[in-house]
PDB file of N, CA and C in Angstrom:
ATOM      1  N   MET A   1       2.764   7.220   2.322  1.00  0.00           N
ATOM      2  CA  MET A   1       2.358   5.860   2.571  1.00  0.00           C
ATOM      3  C   MET A   1       2.175   5.118   1.251  1.00  0.00           C
ATOM      4  N   LEU A   2       1.664   5.817   0.274  1.00  0.00           N
ATOM      5  CA  LEU A   2       1.514   5.204  -1.038  1.00  0.00           C
ATOM      6  C   LEU A   2       2.876   4.886  -1.631  1.00  0.00           C
ATOM      7  N   TYR A   3       3.863   5.728  -1.341  1.00  0.00           N
ATOM      8  CA  TYR A   3       5.234   5.485  -1.797  1.00  0.00           C
ATOM      9  C   TYR A   3       5.757   4.161  -1.249  1.00  0.00           C
ATOM     10  N   TRP A   4       5.539   3.920   0.043  1.00  0.00           N
ATOM     11  CA  TRP A   4       6.029   2.681   0.656  1.00  0.00           C
ATOM     12  C   TRP A   4       5.293   1.467   0.122  1.00  0.00           C
ATOM     13  N   ALA A   5       4.019   1.620  -0.192  1.00  0.00           N
ATOM     14  CA  ALA A   5       3.281   0.516  -0.791  1.00  0.00           C
ATOM     15  C   ALA A   5       3.876   0.155  -2.149  1.00  0.00           C
ATOM     16  N   LEU A   6       4.232   1.161  -2.923  1.00  0.00           N
ATOM     17  CA  LEU A   6       4.858   0.903  -4.215  1.00  0.00           C
ATOM     18  C   LEU A   6       6.248   0.294  -4.064  1.00  0.00           C
ATOM     19  N   VAL A   7       6.991   0.727  -3.067  1.00  0.00           N
ATOM     20  CA  VAL A   7       8.328   0.162  -2.819  1.00  0.00           C
ATOM     21  C   VAL A   7       8.228  -1.321  -2.491  1.00  0.00           C
ATOM     22  N   PHE A   8       7.301  -1.686  -1.591  1.00  0.00           N
ATOM     23  CA  PHE A   8       7.149  -3.089  -1.240  1.00  0.00           C
ATOM     24  C   PHE A   8       6.622  -3.910  -2.412  1.00  0.00           C
ATOM     25  N   PHE A   9       5.802  -3.298  -3.275  1.00  0.00           N
ATOM     26  CA  PHE A   9       5.316  -3.988  -4.458  1.00  0.00           C
ATOM     27  C   PHE A   9       6.460  -4.293  -5.417  1.00  0.00           C
ATOM     28  N   VAL A  10       7.351  -3.334  -5.608  1.00  0.00           N
ATOM     29  CA  VAL A  10       8.515  -3.547  -6.483  1.00  0.00           C
ATOM     30  C   VAL A  10       9.433  -4.614  -5.889  1.00  0.00           C
ATOM     31  N   ILE A  11       9.619  -4.582  -4.579  1.00  0.00           N
ATOM     32  CA  ILE A  11      10.435  -5.615  -3.921  1.00  0.00           C
ATOM     33  C   ILE A  11       9.807  -6.989  -4.136  1.00  0.00           C
ATOM     34  N   ALA A  12       8.484  -7.065  -4.038  1.00  0.00           N
ATOM     35  CA  ALA A  12       7.793  -8.340  -4.256  1.00  0.00           C
ATOM     36  C   ALA A  12       7.970  -8.824  -5.683  1.00  0.00           C
ATOM     37  N   LEU A  13       7.901  -7.918  -6.647  1.00  0.00           N
ATOM     38  CA  LEU A  13       8.093  -8.300  -8.044  1.00  0.00           C
ATOM     39  C   LEU A  13       9.496  -8.821  -8.305  1.00  0.00           C
ATOM     40  N   ILE A  14      10.483  -8.125  -7.776  1.00  0.00           N
ATOM     41  CA  ILE A  14      11.880  -8.539  -7.975  1.00  0.00           C
ATOM     42  C   ILE A  14      12.151  -9.861  -7.269  1.00  0.00           C
ATOM     43  N   ALA A  15      11.674 -10.005  -6.050  1.00  0.00           N
ATOM     44  CA  ALA A  15      11.889 -11.244  -5.308  1.00  0.00           C
ATOM     45  C   ALA A  15      11.177 -12.419  -5.984  1.00  0.00           C
ATOM     46  N   GLY A  16       9.999 -12.169  -6.521  1.00  0.00           N
ATOM     47  CA  GLY A  16       9.276 -13.221  -7.223  1.00  0.00           C
ATOM     48  C   GLY A  16       9.986 -13.643  -8.496  1.00  0.00           C
ATOM     49  N   ALA A  17      10.560 -12.690  -9.208  1.00  0.00           N
ATOM     50  CA  ALA A  17      11.281 -12.999 -10.442  1.00  0.00           C
ATOM     51  C   ALA A  17      12.558 -13.779 -10.158  1.00  0.00           C
ATOM     52  N   LEU A  18      13.166 -13.546  -9.006  1.00  0.00           N
ATOM     53  CA  LEU A  18      14.408 -14.235  -8.657  1.00  0.00           C
ATOM     54  C   LEU A  18      14.159 -15.554  -7.929  1.00  0.00           C
ATOM     55  N   GLY A  19      12.906 -15.862  -7.645  1.00  0.00           N
ATOM     56  CA  GLY A  19      12.580 -17.143  -7.050  1.00  0.00           C
ATOM     57  C   GLY A  19      12.482 -17.161  -5.539  1.00  0.00           C
ATOM     58  N   PHE A  20      12.469 -16.022  -4.919  1.00  0.00           N
ATOM     59  CA  PHE A  20      12.321 -15.954  -3.461  1.00  0.00           C
ATOM     60  C   PHE A  20      10.841 -15.802  -3.126  1.00  0.00           C
ATOM     61  N   GLY A  21      10.136 -16.920  -3.057  1.00  0.00           N
ATOM     62  CA  GLY A  21       8.685 -16.900  -2.880  1.00  0.00           C
ATOM     63  C   GLY A  21       8.238 -16.363  -1.543  1.00  0.00           C
ATOM     64  N   GLY A  22       8.952 -16.699  -0.466  1.00  0.00           N
ATOM     65  CA  GLY A  22       8.560 -16.233   0.865  1.00  0.00           C
ATOM     66  C   GLY A  22       8.685 -14.734   1.009  1.00  0.00           C
ATOM     67  N   ILE A  23       9.776 -14.193   0.511  1.00  0.00           N
ATOM     68  CA  ILE A  23       9.988 -12.744   0.582  1.00  0.00           C
ATOM     69  C   ILE A  23       8.981 -12.025  -0.300  1.00  0.00           C
ATOM     70  N   ALA A  24       8.701 -12.593  -1.469  1.00  0.00           N
ATOM     71  CA  ALA A  24       7.731 -11.982  -2.374  1.00  0.00           C
ATOM     72  C   ALA A  24       6.343 -11.968  -1.751  1.00  0.00           C
ATOM     73  N   SER A  25       5.979 -13.043  -1.102  1.00  0.00           N
ATOM     74  CA  SER A  25       4.671 -13.123  -0.464  1.00  0.00           C
ATOM     75  C   SER A  25       4.548 -12.122   0.680  1.00  0.00           C
ATOM     76  N   ALA A  26       5.572 -12.020   1.493  1.00  0.00           N
ATOM     77  CA  ALA A  26       5.549 -11.082   2.618  1.00  0.00           C
ATOM     78  C   ALA A  26       5.506  -9.638   2.123  1.00  0.00           C
ATOM     79  N   SER A  27       6.297  -9.332   1.111  1.00  0.00           N
ATOM     80  CA  SER A  27       6.336  -7.967   0.583  1.00  0.00           C
ATOM     81  C   SER A  27       5.012  -7.584  -0.060  1.00  0.00           C
ATOM     82  N   SER A  28       4.394  -8.514  -0.777  1.00  0.00           N
ATOM     83  CA  SER A  28       3.112  -8.188  -1.399  1.00  0.00           C
ATOM     84  C   SER A  28       2.023  -8.018  -0.343  1.00  0.00           C
ATOM     85  N   GLY A  29       2.095  -8.780   0.737  1.00  0.00           N
ATOM     86  CA  GLY A  29       1.144  -8.606   1.826  1.00  0.00           C
ATOM     87  C   GLY A  29       1.279  -7.255   2.495  1.00  0.00           C
ATOM     88  N   ILE A  30       2.506  -6.839   2.741  1.00  0.00           N
ATOM     89  CA  ILE A  30       2.746  -5.524   3.345  1.00  0.00           C
ATOM     90  C   ILE A  30       2.281  -4.420   2.410  1.00  0.00           C
ATOM     91  N   ALA A  31       2.576  -4.565   1.115  1.00  0.00           N
ATOM     92  CA  ALA A  31       2.159  -3.560   0.133  1.00  0.00           C
ATOM     93  C   ALA A  31       0.639  -3.456   0.086  1.00  0.00           C
ATOM     94  N   GLN A  32      -0.045  -4.581   0.158  1.00  0.00           N
ATOM     95  CA  GLN A  32      -1.501  -4.579   0.114  1.00  0.00           C
ATOM     96  C   GLN A  32      -2.083  -3.895   1.350  1.00  0.00           C
ATOM     97  N   ILE A  33      -1.533  -4.177   2.517  1.00  0.00           N
ATOM     98  CA  ILE A  33      -2.007  -3.546   3.752  1.00  0.00           C
ATOM     99  C   ILE A  33      -1.790  -2.040   3.698  1.00  0.00           C
ATOM    100  N   LEU A  34      -0.616  -1.603   3.258  1.00  0.00           N
ATOM    101  CA  LEU A  34      -0.330  -0.172   3.187  1.00  0.00           C
ATOM    102  C   LEU A  34      -1.232   0.532   2.179  1.00  0.00           C
ATOM    103  N   PHE A  35      -1.504  -0.130   1.061  1.00  0.00           N
ATOM    104  CA  PHE A  35      -2.361   0.485   0.044  1.00  0.00           C
ATOM    105  C   PHE A  35      -3.780   0.671   0.565  1.00  0.00           C
ATOM    106  N   PHE A  36      -4.343  -0.355   1.213  1.00  0.00           N
ATOM    107  CA  PHE A  36      -5.700  -0.219   1.740  1.00  0.00           C
ATOM    108  C   PHE A  36      -5.755   0.773   2.896  1.00  0.00           C
ATOM    109  N   LEU A  37      -4.711   0.837   3.689  1.00  0.00           N
ATOM    110  CA  LEU A  37      -4.646   1.843   4.747  1.00  0.00           C
ATOM    111  C   LEU A  37      -4.612   3.245   4.146  1.00  0.00           C
ATOM    112  N   PHE A  38      -3.857   3.413   3.057  1.00  0.00           N
ATOM    113  CA  PHE A  38      -3.830   4.687   2.350  1.00  0.00           C
ATOM    114  C   PHE A  38      -5.214   5.060   1.843  1.00  0.00           C
ATOM    115  N   LEU A  39      -5.935   4.089   1.257  1.00  0.00           N
ATOM    116  CA  LEU A  39      -7.272   4.377   0.738  1.00  0.00           C
ATOM    117  C   LEU A  39      -8.230   4.793   1.847  1.00  0.00           C
ATOM    118  N   VAL A  40      -8.164   4.128   2.983  1.00  0.00           N
ATOM    119  CA  VAL A  40      -9.041   4.466   4.106  1.00  0.00           C
ATOM    120  C   VAL A  40      -8.730   5.868   4.626  1.00  0.00           C
ATOM    121  N   LEU A  41      -7.457   6.171   4.819  1.00  0.00           N
ATOM    122  CA  LEU A  41      -7.085   7.498   5.310  1.00  0.00           C
ATOM    123  C   LEU A  41      -7.422   8.594   4.304  1.00  0.00           C
ATOM    124  N   PHE A  42      -7.277   8.296   3.011  1.00  0.00           N
ATOM    125  CA  PHE A  42      -7.645   9.258   1.977  1.00  0.00           C
ATOM    126  C   PHE A  42      -9.139   9.535   1.998  1.00  0.00           C
ATOM    127  N   ALA A  43      -9.944   8.482   2.135  1.00  0.00           N
ATOM    128  CA  ALA A  43     -11.398   8.659   2.178  1.00  0.00           C
ATOM    129  C   ALA A  43     -11.811   9.460   3.412  1.00  0.00           C
ATOM    130  N   ILE A  44     -11.203   9.174   4.549  1.00  0.00           N
ATOM    131  CA  ILE A  44     -11.527   9.911   5.778  1.00  0.00           C
ATOM    132  C   ILE A  44     -11.165  11.387   5.631  1.00  0.00           C
ATOM    133  N   SER A  45      -9.999  11.673   5.087  1.00  0.00           N
ATOM    134  CA  SER A  45      -9.598  13.075   4.929  1.00  0.00           C
ATOM    135  C   SER A  45     -10.471  13.789   3.902  1.00  0.00           C
ATOM    136  N   LEU A  46     -10.907  13.073   2.873  1.00  0.00           N
ATOM    137  CA  LEU A  46     -11.797  13.665   1.878  1.00  0.00           C
ATOM    138  C   LEU A  46     -13.148  14.000   2.498  1.00  0.00           C
ATOM    139  N   ILE A  47     -13.699  13.103   3.281  1.00  0.00           N
ATOM    140  CA  ILE A  47     -14.990  13.334   3.936  1.00  0.00           C
ATOM    141  C   ILE A  47     -14.874  14.469   4.956  1.00  0.00           C
ATOM    142  N   MET A  48     -13.797  14.477   5.720  1.00  0.00           N
ATOM    143  CA  MET A  48     -13.611  15.544   6.708  1.00  0.00           C
ATOM    144  C   MET A  48     -13.465  16.901   6.037  1.00  0.00           C
ATOM    145  N   GLY A  49     -12.798  16.938   4.896  1.00  0.00           N
ATOM    146  CA  GLY A  49     -12.659  18.185   4.164  1.00  0.00           C
ATOM    147  C   GLY A  49     -14.000  18.687   3.644  1.00  0.00           C
ATOM    148  N   LEU A  50     -14.848  17.780   3.181  1.00  0.00           N
ATOM    149  CA  LEU A  50     -16.166  18.173   2.701  1.00  0.00           C
ATOM    150  C   LEU A  50     -17.071  18.641   3.838  1.00  0.00           C
ATOM    151  N   VAL A  51     -16.952  18.005   5.011  1.00  0.00           N
ATOM    152  CA  VAL A  51     -17.772  18.382   6.154  1.00  0.00           C
ATOM    153  C   VAL A  51     -17.359  19.753   6.690  1.00  0.00           C
ATOM    154  N   ARG A  52     -16.082  20.029   6.691  1.00  0.00           N
ATOM    155  CA  ARG A  52     -15.605  21.310   7.238  1.00  0.00           C
ATOM    156  C   ARG A  52     -15.952  22.499   6.344  1.00  0.00           C
ATOM    157  N   ARG A  53     -16.174  22.268   5.068  1.00  0.00           N
ATOM    158  CA  ARG A  53     -16.525  23.373   4.162  1.00  0.00           C
ATOM    159  C   ARG A  53     -17.889  23.955   4.479  1.00  0.00           C
ATOM    160  N   ARG A  54     -18.778  23.140   4.981  1.00  0.00           N
ATOM    161  CA  ARG A  54     -20.150  23.600   5.223  1.00  0.00           C
ATOM    162  C   ARG A  54     -20.205  24.423   6.432  1.00  0.00           C
TER     163      ARG A  54
END
């Protein structure tokens, strides 16, 4: 999931450099959603791993 967030971020950078503002905005929004989703799932798996050790 982090890979896809980085892919959409790179697409947003390239689209922004070429002047495609709408595509850049959409790609950066998708990248941001995927990144925060990754962080939430990572935190949940980290907490679950700590709980299961006990």
